[in-house]
Amino acid sequence: MPHEVQTFMYDISNGMARALGPLLLGQPIEAVWHTAVVAFGREYLFVGNVGIESEEPEQTHFGKALEKLVVGTSTKTQAEFEAFNAELQRTTFGPDDYNLIERNCNHYTDAALFFLTGQRVPEKVSAMTATIFGSPLGRIAKQVIETVQQQMVAAKKPAAVIEEQQPDKPEGKPSRRRDRNAPADDQPERPRRREQRAAAVSGLGGSSSSGSSNPSALPTSSVTTTTTTTTSAVRQVAEPSAGQAEALKKREKVIVGDQVASALARKKIPTARPAGLTNAAVLD
């Protein structure tokens, strides 16, 4: 026995869409429609965070329907329809599948009506989305709605699922940051400036601890030879030969004699008087 199938239509704007449509959207709009399927004495609807549910007609939180349309009749049984709804709940219209733009109550109504009668949701309902979001203000509202819904969906997902959906990051250069908790052998190699400076200083003094010599350092044999040569030259200057010593002594005697004679002349000390000379004959 065929069963009558209806569509209940609700204006969730409570008349504001009709009043503000020309001002906000630039064209009149009859309502912001919410729809449900009424069959087998129950009202079936799709609700966010719940999925598909059924209530007594007009006993949902949407209140009284603004319009009630008879879509046609169905030869499906209630058990078949319940099984259909269970499959949709599992695959397409579950608690987390609601999307205000792409998968809302009207999309479910359209799928349910097609299953029961082969008919689609009324045209003014299916065209409502294009009318609202086709206006300049509607396009802005659509972007805001999509952003909010993406944030809501991400907040519901576990952290592990979010990490799996993240694209793989390109491999870059390995980090040179030191892990303080890692063993010393596992630390990345880096220049040790103190050791390099110590090695450079030790290299200036000759051979290093590893036995390698500094090219700029002089060999020990060269240092010894240079020291010996310098000492010999100093000795030659400090110690004159026998002839030079004799000449120096003679020069010193001459100098001393000149100095004594000069001193005697300044003090007017008389010298020995030759015999036969008087005091008057003594001259300076």
C-alpha atoms as a PDB file:
ATOM      1  CA  MET A   1       0.000   0.000   0.000  1.00  0.00           C
ATOM      2  CA  PRO A   2       1.480   3.367  -1.034  1.00  0.00           C
ATOM      3  CA  HIS A   3       2.343   5.854   1.680  1.00  0.00           C
ATOM      4  CA  GLU A   4       2.034   9.642   1.350  1.00  0.00           C
ATOM      5  CA  VAL A   5       5.274  11.571   1.573  1.00  0.00           C
ATOM      6  CA  GLN A   6       5.425  15.246   2.510  1.00  0.00           C
ATOM      7  CA  THR A   7       8.010  17.950   2.922  1.00  0.00           C
ATOM      8  CA  PHE A   8       7.695  20.295   5.875  1.00  0.00           C
ATOM      9  CA  MET A   9       9.375  23.657   5.330  1.00  0.00           C
ATOM     10  CA  TYR A  10      10.456  26.055   8.099  1.00  0.00           C
ATOM     11  CA  ASP A  11      11.749  29.640   7.883  1.00  0.00           C
ATOM     12  CA  ILE A  12      14.625  29.717  10.384  1.00  0.00           C
ATOM     13  CA  SER A  13      14.982  33.503   9.892  1.00  0.00           C
ATOM     14  CA  ASN A  14      11.462  34.054  11.282  1.00  0.00           C
ATOM     15  CA  GLY A  15      10.600  36.512   8.481  1.00  0.00           C
ATOM     16  CA  MET A  16      13.829  38.536   8.638  1.00  0.00           C
ATOM     17  CA  ALA A  17      15.030  37.212   5.269  1.00  0.00           C
ATOM     18  CA  ARG A  18      11.992  38.682   3.515  1.00  0.00           C
ATOM     19  CA  ALA A  19      12.452  42.036   5.227  1.00  0.00           C
ATOM     20  CA  LEU A  20      16.225  42.399   4.920  1.00  0.00           C
ATOM     21  CA  GLY A  21      16.841  40.506   1.678  1.00  0.00           C
ATOM     22  CA  PRO A  22      16.707  43.534  -0.645  1.00  0.00           C
ATOM     23  CA  LEU A  23      18.934  45.556   1.691  1.00  0.00           C
ATOM     24  CA  LEU A  24      21.579  42.898   2.374  1.00  0.00           C
ATOM     25  CA  LEU A  25      21.482  40.765  -0.769  1.00  0.00           C
ATOM     26  CA  GLY A  26      20.195  43.236  -3.343  1.00  0.00           C
ATOM     27  CA  GLN A  27      17.182  41.051  -4.145  1.00  0.00           C
ATOM     28  CA  PRO A  28      14.140  39.693  -2.310  1.00  0.00           C
ATOM     29  CA  ILE A  29      14.328  36.287  -0.682  1.00  0.00           C
ATOM     30  CA  GLU A  30      11.295  34.427   0.628  1.00  0.00           C
ATOM     31  CA  ALA A  31      12.900  32.591   3.566  1.00  0.00           C
ATOM     32  CA  VAL A  32      15.917  30.743   4.851  1.00  0.00           C
ATOM     33  CA  TRP A  33      14.544  27.262   4.500  1.00  0.00           C
ATOM     34  CA  HIS A  34      14.928  24.237   6.741  1.00  0.00           C
ATOM     35  CA  THR A  35      13.191  21.119   5.421  1.00  0.00           C
ATOM     36  CA  ALA A  36      12.246  17.669   6.721  1.00  0.00           C
ATOM     37  CA  VAL A  37      10.592  14.528   5.338  1.00  0.00           C
ATOM     38  CA  VAL A  38       7.285  13.403   6.808  1.00  0.00           C
ATOM     39  CA  ALA A  39       6.379   9.754   6.165  1.00  0.00           C
ATOM     40  CA  PHE A  40       4.976   6.804   8.094  1.00  0.00           C
ATOM     41  CA  GLY A  41       3.646   9.216  10.718  1.00  0.00           C
ATOM     42  CA  ARG A  42       7.160  10.525  11.591  1.00  0.00           C
ATOM     43  CA  GLU A  43       9.180  13.589  10.725  1.00  0.00           C
ATOM     44  CA  TYR A  44      12.732  12.762   9.611  1.00  0.00           C
ATOM     45  CA  LEU A  45      15.411  15.432   9.624  1.00  0.00           C
ATOM     46  CA  PHE A  46      19.167  15.890   9.622  1.00  0.00           C
ATOM     47  CA  VAL A  47      20.691  17.878  12.496  1.00  0.00           C
ATOM     48  CA  GLY A  48      24.297  18.809  13.188  1.00  0.00           C
ATOM     49  CA  ASN A  49      26.061  16.917  16.021  1.00  0.00           C
ATOM     50  CA  VAL A  50      23.165  14.428  16.001  1.00  0.00           C
ATOM     51  CA  GLY A  51      22.745  13.052  12.516  1.00  0.00           C
ATOM     52  CA  ILE A  52      19.431  11.735  11.247  1.00  0.00           C
ATOM     53  CA  GLU A  53      16.620  11.687  13.779  1.00  0.00           C
ATOM     54  CA  SER A  54      12.826  11.347  13.761  1.00  0.00           C
ATOM     55  CA  GLU A  55      10.106  12.964  15.868  1.00  0.00           C
ATOM     56  CA  GLU A  56       6.377  13.411  15.881  1.00  0.00           C
ATOM     57  CA  PRO A  57       5.456  15.881  13.105  1.00  0.00           C
ATOM     58  CA  GLU A  58       6.039  19.495  14.140  1.00  0.00           C
ATOM     59  CA  GLN A  59       7.380  18.419  17.532  1.00  0.00           C
ATOM     60  CA  THR A  60      10.996  19.296  16.781  1.00  0.00           C
ATOM     61  CA  HIS A  61      12.758  22.406  18.032  1.00  0.00           C
ATOM     62  CA  PHE A  62      11.925  24.127  14.726  1.00  0.00           C
ATOM     63  CA  GLY A  63       8.319  24.522  15.835  1.00  0.00           C
ATOM     64  CA  LYS A  64       5.474  24.879  13.337  1.00  0.00           C
ATOM     65  CA  ALA A  65       6.093  24.446   9.624  1.00  0.00           C
ATOM     66  CA  LEU A  66       5.595  27.485   7.382  1.00  0.00           C
ATOM     67  CA  GLU A  67       4.672  25.294   4.414  1.00  0.00           C
ATOM     68  CA  LYS A  68       3.670  21.632   3.988  1.00  0.00           C
ATOM     69  CA  LEU A  69       4.052  20.150   0.509  1.00  0.00           C
ATOM     70  CA  VAL A  70       2.832  16.752  -0.616  1.00  0.00           C
ATOM     71  CA  VAL A  71       5.603  15.363  -2.789  1.00  0.00           C
ATOM     72  CA  GLY A  72       4.008  12.066  -3.771  1.00  0.00           C
ATOM     73  CA  THR A  73       3.534   8.493  -2.605  1.00  0.00           C
ATOM     74  CA  SER A  74       6.001   5.704  -1.886  1.00  0.00           C
ATOM     75  CA  THR A  75       5.856   1.936  -2.110  1.00  0.00           C
ATOM     76  CA  LYS A  76       8.788   1.574   0.266  1.00  0.00           C
ATOM     77  CA  THR A  77       8.110   0.155   3.706  1.00  0.00           C
ATOM     78  CA  GLN A  78       9.041   1.928   6.906  1.00  0.00           C
ATOM     79  CA  ALA A  79      11.621  -0.788   7.636  1.00  0.00           C
ATOM     80  CA  GLU A  80      13.272  -0.182   4.282  1.00  0.00           C
ATOM     81  CA  PHE A  81      13.314   3.538   4.915  1.00  0.00           C
ATOM     82  CA  GLU A  82      14.795   3.050   8.381  1.00  0.00           C
ATOM     83  CA  ALA A  83      17.531   0.848   6.897  1.00  0.00           C
ATOM     84  CA  PHE A  84      18.227   3.524   4.287  1.00  0.00           C
ATOM     85  CA  ASN A  85      18.550   6.155   7.004  1.00  0.00           C
ATOM     86  CA  ALA A  86      20.890   3.945   9.017  1.00  0.00           C
ATOM     87  CA  GLU A  87      23.176   3.593   6.006  1.00  0.00           C
ATOM     88  CA  LEU A  88      23.176   7.354   5.404  1.00  0.00           C
ATOM     89  CA  GLN A  89      23.890   7.941   9.083  1.00  0.00           C
ATOM     90  CA  ARG A  90      26.934   5.706   8.799  1.00  0.00           C
ATOM     91  CA  THR A  91      28.337   7.017   5.525  1.00  0.00           C
ATOM     92  CA  THR A  92      27.082  10.510   4.680  1.00  0.00           C
ATOM     93  CA  PHE A  93      24.839  12.206   7.238  1.00  0.00           C
ATOM     94  CA  GLY A  94      26.422  11.308  10.564  1.00  0.00           C
ATOM     95  CA  PRO A  95      26.815  13.534  13.638  1.00  0.00           C
ATOM     96  CA  ASP A  96      30.099  15.040  12.360  1.00  0.00           C
ATOM     97  CA  ASP A  97      29.096  15.370   8.692  1.00  0.00           C
ATOM     98  CA  TYR A  98      26.943  18.494   8.912  1.00  0.00           C
ATOM     99  CA  ASN A  99      28.063  21.403   6.734  1.00  0.00           C
ATOM    100  CA  LEU A 100      25.944  24.524   6.497  1.00  0.00           C
ATOM    101  CA  ILE A 101      26.795  25.049   2.820  1.00  0.00           C
ATOM    102  CA  GLU A 102      27.554  21.646   1.284  1.00  0.00           C
ATOM    103  CA  ARG A 103      25.723  19.090   3.454  1.00  0.00           C
ATOM    104  CA  ASN A 104      22.812  20.437   5.429  1.00  0.00           C
ATOM    105  CA  CYS A 105      19.243  19.429   6.233  1.00  0.00           C
ATOM    106  CA  ASN A 106      18.024  20.201   2.719  1.00  0.00           C
ATOM    107  CA  HIS A 107      20.572  17.828   1.190  1.00  0.00           C
ATOM    108  CA  TYR A 108      19.261  15.020   3.361  1.00  0.00           C
ATOM    109  CA  THR A 109      15.645  15.847   2.483  1.00  0.00           C
ATOM    110  CA  ASP A 110      16.521  15.705  -1.206  1.00  0.00           C
ATOM    111  CA  ALA A 111      18.184  12.265  -0.826  1.00  0.00           C
ATOM    112  CA  ALA A 112      15.286  10.878   1.262  1.00  0.00           C
ATOM    113  CA  LEU A 113      12.617  12.155  -1.110  1.00  0.00           C
ATOM    114  CA  PHE A 114      14.405  10.643  -4.083  1.00  0.00           C
ATOM    115  CA  PHE A 115      14.640   7.259  -2.307  1.00  0.00           C
ATOM    116  CA  LEU A 116      10.935   7.250  -1.401  1.00  0.00           C
ATOM    117  CA  THR A 117       9.291   8.902  -4.407  1.00  0.00           C
ATOM    118  CA  GLY A 118      11.910   9.613  -7.071  1.00  0.00           C
ATOM    119  CA  GLN A 119      11.232  13.343  -6.635  1.00  0.00           C
ATOM    120  CA  ARG A 120      13.587  16.124  -5.578  1.00  0.00           C
ATOM    121  CA  VAL A 121      13.362  18.877  -3.008  1.00  0.00           C
ATOM    122  CA  PRO A 122      11.311  21.910  -4.167  1.00  0.00           C
ATOM    123  CA  GLU A 123      13.208  24.216  -6.530  1.00  0.00           C
ATOM    124  CA  LYS A 124      12.935  27.299  -4.320  1.00  0.00           C
ATOM    125  CA  VAL A 125      14.763  25.353  -1.624  1.00  0.00           C
ATOM    126  CA  SER A 126      17.542  24.081  -3.879  1.00  0.00           C
ATOM    127  CA  ALA A 127      18.024  27.557  -5.419  1.00  0.00           C
ATOM    128  CA  MET A 128      18.191  29.298  -2.042  1.00  0.00           C
ATOM    129  CA  THR A 129      21.908  28.606  -1.501  1.00  0.00           C
ATOM    130  CA  ALA A 130      22.919  30.049  -4.868  1.00  0.00           C
ATOM    131  CA  THR A 131      20.729  33.100  -4.274  1.00  0.00           C
ATOM    132  CA  ILE A 132      22.162  33.901  -0.852  1.00  0.00           C
ATOM    133  CA  PHE A 133      25.822  33.158  -1.478  1.00  0.00           C
ATOM    134  CA  GLY A 134      25.829  34.603  -4.999  1.00  0.00           C
ATOM    135  CA  SER A 135      25.578  38.182  -3.714  1.00  0.00           C
ATOM    136  CA  PRO A 136      28.669  40.210  -2.682  1.00  0.00           C
ATOM    137  CA  LEU A 137      27.751  40.105   0.984  1.00  0.00           C
ATOM    138  CA  GLY A 138      26.779  36.458   0.685  1.00  0.00           C
ATOM    139  CA  ARG A 139      30.210  35.558  -0.704  1.00  0.00           C
ATOM    140  CA  ILE A 140      31.831  37.190   2.309  1.00  0.00           C
ATOM    141  CA  ALA A 141      29.444  35.372   4.633  1.00  0.00           C
ATOM    142  CA  LYS A 142      30.259  32.100   2.877  1.00  0.00           C
ATOM    143  CA  GLN A 143      33.987  32.514   3.507  1.00  0.00           C
ATOM    144  CA  VAL A 144      33.342  33.270   7.173  1.00  0.00           C
ATOM    145  CA  ILE A 145      31.044  30.266   7.538  1.00  0.00           C
ATOM    146  CA  GLU A 146      33.524  27.918   5.866  1.00  0.00           C
ATOM    147  CA  THR A 147      36.350  29.133   8.108  1.00  0.00           C
ATOM    148  CA  VAL A 148      34.281  28.675  11.257  1.00  0.00           C
ATOM    149  CA  GLN A 149      33.170  25.209  10.217  1.00  0.00           C
ATOM    150  CA  GLN A 150      36.734  24.115   9.461  1.00  0.00           C
ATOM    151  CA  GLN A 151      37.799  25.249  12.914  1.00  0.00           C
ATOM    152  CA  MET A 152      34.911  23.396  14.498  1.00  0.00           C
ATOM    153  CA  VAL A 153      35.736  20.199  12.632  1.00  0.00           C
ATOM    154  CA  ALA A 154      39.442  20.457  13.546  1.00  0.00           C
ATOM    155  CA  ALA A 155      38.564  20.973  17.206  1.00  0.00           C
ATOM    156  CA  LYS A 156      36.586  17.726  17.255  1.00  0.00           C
ATOM    157  CA  LYS A 157      39.306  15.576  15.691  1.00  0.00           C
ATOM    158  CA  PRO A 158      41.955  13.847  17.824  1.00  0.00           C
ATOM    159  CA  ALA A 159      45.496  15.180  17.575  1.00  0.00           C
ATOM    160  CA  ALA A 160      46.728  11.955  15.904  1.00  0.00           C
ATOM    161  CA  VAL A 161      44.205  12.347  13.064  1.00  0.00           C
ATOM    162  CA  ILE A 162      45.228  15.966  12.504  1.00  0.00           C
ATOM    163  CA  GLU A 163      48.919  14.997  12.257  1.00  0.00           C
ATOM    164  CA  GLU A 164      48.116  12.308   9.681  1.00  0.00           C
ATOM    165  CA  GLN A 165      46.301  14.853   7.523  1.00  0.00           C
ATOM    166  CA  GLN A 166      49.166  17.337   7.612  1.00  0.00           C
ATOM    167  CA  PRO A 167      51.283  17.311   4.408  1.00  0.00           C
ATOM    168  CA  ASP A 168      54.797  16.004   4.771  1.00  0.00           C
ATOM    169  CA  LYS A 169      57.290  18.780   5.335  1.00  0.00           C
ATOM    170  CA  PRO A 170      60.221  18.937   2.885  1.00  0.00           C
ATOM    171  CA  GLU A 171      63.440  17.686   4.322  1.00  0.00           C
ATOM    172  CA  GLY A 172      65.749  20.574   5.079  1.00  0.00           C
ATOM    173  CA  LYS A 173      69.215  20.868   6.527  1.00  0.00           C
ATOM    174  CA  PRO A 174      69.773  18.861   9.696  1.00  0.00           C
ATOM    175  CA  SER A 175      69.493  20.871  12.852  1.00  0.00           C
ATOM    176  CA  ARG A 176      72.757  21.807  14.563  1.00  0.00           C
ATOM    177  CA  ARG A 177      71.063  22.422  17.867  1.00  0.00           C
ATOM    178  CA  ARG A 178      72.576  20.359  20.618  1.00  0.00           C
ATOM    179  CA  ASP A 179      70.415  17.870  22.457  1.00  0.00           C
ATOM    180  CA  ARG A 180      71.348  18.184  26.113  1.00  0.00           C
ATOM    181  CA  ASN A 181      69.770  14.845  26.941  1.00  0.00           C
ATOM    182  CA  ALA A 182      71.716  12.903  24.326  1.00  0.00           C
ATOM    183  CA  PRO A 183      74.990  11.106  25.196  1.00  0.00           C
ATOM    184  CA  ALA A 184      78.252  12.888  24.471  1.00  0.00           C
ATOM    185  CA  ASP A 185      79.083  10.489  21.600  1.00  0.00           C
ATOM    186  CA  ASP A 186      75.810  11.344  19.865  1.00  0.00           C
ATOM    187  CA  GLN A 187      76.350  15.091  19.894  1.00  0.00           C
ATOM    188  CA  PRO A 188      76.940  16.710  16.478  1.00  0.00           C
ATOM    189  CA  GLU A 189      80.586  17.615  15.782  1.00  0.00           C
ATOM    190  CA  ARG A 190      81.403  21.318  15.793  1.00  0.00           C
ATOM    191  CA  PRO A 191      84.666  23.362  15.930  1.00  0.00           C
ATOM    192  CA  ARG A 192      86.217  23.694  19.351  1.00  0.00           C
ATOM    193  CA  ARG A 193      87.857  27.099  19.361  1.00  0.00           C
ATOM    194  CA  ARG A 194      89.704  26.666  22.620  1.00  0.00           C
ATOM    195  CA  GLU A 195      91.405  23.500  21.413  1.00  0.00           C
ATOM    196  CA  GLN A 196      92.326  25.145  18.124  1.00  0.00           C
ATOM    197  CA  ARG A 197      93.861  28.140  19.869  1.00  0.00           C
ATOM    198  CA  ALA A 198      95.788  25.890  22.270  1.00  0.00           C
ATOM    199  CA  ALA A 199      97.146  23.855  19.357  1.00  0.00           C
ATOM    200  CA  ALA A 200      98.211  27.017  17.537  1.00  0.00           C
ATOM    201  CA  VAL A 201     100.025  28.386  20.599  1.00  0.00           C
ATOM    202  CA  SER A 202     101.821  25.092  21.251  1.00  0.00           C
ATOM    203  CA  GLY A 203     102.839  24.966  17.586  1.00  0.00           C
ATOM    204  CA  LEU A 204     104.667  28.282  17.914  1.00  0.00           C
ATOM    205  CA  GLY A 205     106.996  26.744  20.538  1.00  0.00           C
ATOM    206  CA  GLY A 206     108.126  23.860  18.325  1.00  0.00           C
ATOM    207  CA  SER A 207     106.600  20.393  18.096  1.00  0.00           C
ATOM    208  CA  SER A 208     103.012  19.696  19.258  1.00  0.00           C
ATOM    209  CA  SER A 209     101.771  16.883  21.485  1.00  0.00           C
ATOM    210  CA  SER A 210     101.096  14.697  18.486  1.00  0.00           C
ATOM    211  CA  GLY A 211     104.731  14.969  17.336  1.00  0.00           C
ATOM    212  CA  SER A 212     104.153  17.284  14.361  1.00  0.00           C
ATOM    213  CA  SER A 213     106.458  20.329  14.074  1.00  0.00           C
ATOM    214  CA  ASN A 214     105.496  23.912  13.332  1.00  0.00           C
ATOM    215  CA  PRO A 215     107.003  24.993   9.983  1.00  0.00           C
ATOM    216  CA  SER A 216     107.544  28.551  11.240  1.00  0.00           C
ATOM    217  CA  ALA A 217     109.669  27.394  14.255  1.00  0.00           C
ATOM    218  CA  LEU A 218     113.469  27.195  13.908  1.00  0.00           C
ATOM    219  CA  PRO A 219     115.194  23.830  14.438  1.00  0.00           C
ATOM    220  CA  THR A 220     117.201  23.400  17.648  1.00  0.00           C
ATOM    221  CA  SER A 221     120.506  22.964  15.766  1.00  0.00           C
ATOM    222  CA  SER A 222     120.042  26.291  14.003  1.00  0.00           C
ATOM    223  CA  VAL A 223     119.403  28.069  17.293  1.00  0.00           C
ATOM    224  CA  THR A 224     122.579  26.542  18.880  1.00  0.00           C
ATOM    225  CA  THR A 225     124.764  27.504  15.901  1.00  0.00           C
ATOM    226  CA  THR A 226     123.485  31.058  15.876  1.00  0.00           C
ATOM    227  CA  THR A 227     124.089  31.439  19.621  1.00  0.00           C
ATOM    228  CA  THR A 228     127.697  30.115  19.374  1.00  0.00           C
ATOM    229  CA  THR A 229     128.539  32.434  16.511  1.00  0.00           C
ATOM    230  CA  THR A 230     127.191  35.461  18.315  1.00  0.00           C
ATOM    231  CA  THR A 231     129.130  34.614  21.507  1.00  0.00           C
ATOM    232  CA  SER A 232     132.433  34.317  19.581  1.00  0.00           C
ATOM    233  CA  ALA A 233     131.918  37.701  17.965  1.00  0.00           C
ATOM    234  CA  VAL A 234     131.289  39.329  21.341  1.00  0.00           C
ATOM    235  CA  ARG A 235     134.426  37.761  22.791  1.00  0.00           C
ATOM    236  CA  GLN A 236     136.517  39.031  19.860  1.00  0.00           C
ATOM    237  CA  VAL A 237     135.369  42.564  20.540  1.00  0.00           C
ATOM    238  CA  ALA A 238     135.695  42.349  24.344  1.00  0.00           C
ATOM    239  CA  GLU A 239     139.138  40.617  24.350  1.00  0.00           C
ATOM    240  CA  PRO A 240     141.691  42.464  22.077  1.00  0.00           C
ATOM    241  CA  SER A 241     144.878  40.829  20.817  1.00  0.00           C
ATOM    242  CA  ALA A 242     148.340  41.231  22.490  1.00  0.00           C
ATOM    243  CA  GLY A 243     149.464  43.925  20.044  1.00  0.00           C
ATOM    244  CA  GLN A 244     146.290  45.900  20.526  1.00  0.00           C
ATOM    245  CA  ALA A 245     146.699  45.674  24.318  1.00  0.00           C
ATOM    246  CA  GLU A 246     150.306  47.007  24.139  1.00  0.00           C
ATOM    247  CA  ALA A 247     149.236  49.904  21.974  1.00  0.00           C
ATOM    248  CA  LEU A 248     146.449  50.754  24.361  1.00  0.00           C
ATOM    249  CA  LYS A 249     148.851  50.773  27.317  1.00  0.00           C
ATOM    250  CA  LYS A 250     151.246  53.153  25.542  1.00  0.00           C
ATOM    251  CA  ARG A 251     148.360  55.460  24.626  1.00  0.00           C
ATOM    252  CA  GLU A 252     147.177  55.439  28.227  1.00  0.00           C
ATOM    253  CA  LYS A 253     150.709  56.428  29.428  1.00  0.00           C
ATOM    254  CA  VAL A 254     150.857  59.343  27.016  1.00  0.00           C
ATOM    255  CA  ILE A 255     147.424  60.533  28.066  1.00  0.00           C
ATOM    256  CA  VAL A 256     148.289  60.230  31.761  1.00  0.00           C
ATOM    257  CA  GLY A 257     151.608  62.093  31.267  1.00  0.00           C
ATOM    258  CA  ASP A 258     149.850  64.944  29.473  1.00  0.00           C
ATOM    259  CA  GLN A 259     147.290  65.183  32.219  1.00  0.00           C
ATOM    260  CA  VAL A 260     149.958  65.299  34.985  1.00  0.00           C
ATOM    261  CA  ALA A 261     151.953  67.979  33.187  1.00  0.00           C
ATOM    262  CA  SER A 262     148.893  70.088  32.711  1.00  0.00           C
ATOM    263  CA  ALA A 263     147.937  69.779  36.402  1.00  0.00           C
ATOM    264  CA  LEU A 264     151.454  70.832  37.521  1.00  0.00           C
ATOM    265  CA  ALA A 265     151.357  73.836  35.242  1.00  0.00           C
ATOM    266  CA  ARG A 266     147.991  75.007  36.649  1.00  0.00           C
ATOM    267  CA  LYS A 267     149.221  74.740  40.281  1.00  0.00           C
ATOM    268  CA  LYS A 268     152.569  76.518  39.468  1.00  0.00           C
ATOM    269  CA  ILE A 269     154.592  73.917  41.270  1.00  0.00           C
ATOM    270  CA  PRO A 270     158.350  74.791  40.778  1.00  0.00           C
ATOM    271  CA  THR A 271     160.523  72.219  39.309  1.00  0.00           C
ATOM    272  CA  ALA A 272     164.151  71.458  40.442  1.00  0.00           C
ATOM    273  CA  ARG A 273     166.415  74.510  40.073  1.00  0.00           C
ATOM    274  CA  PRO A 274     169.523  74.139  37.998  1.00  0.00           C
ATOM    275  CA  ALA A 275     172.686  75.142  39.719  1.00  0.00           C
ATOM    276  CA  GLY A 276     173.699  78.785  39.471  1.00  0.00           C
ATOM    277  CA  LEU A 277     170.128  80.180  38.891  1.00  0.00           C
ATOM    278  CA  THR A 278     168.527  82.682  41.294  1.00  0.00           C
ATOM    279  CA  ASN A 279     164.906  82.976  42.232  1.00  0.00           C
ATOM    280  CA  ALA A 280     164.433  85.847  39.806  1.00  0.00           C
ATOM    281  CA  ALA A 281     165.465  83.625  37.037  1.00  0.00           C
ATOM    282  CA  VAL A 282     162.711  81.162  37.798  1.00  0.00           C
ATOM    283  CA  LEU A 283     159.936  81.724  35.366  1.00  0.00           C
ATOM    284  CA  ASP A 284     156.505  80.194  35.250  1.00  0.00           C
END
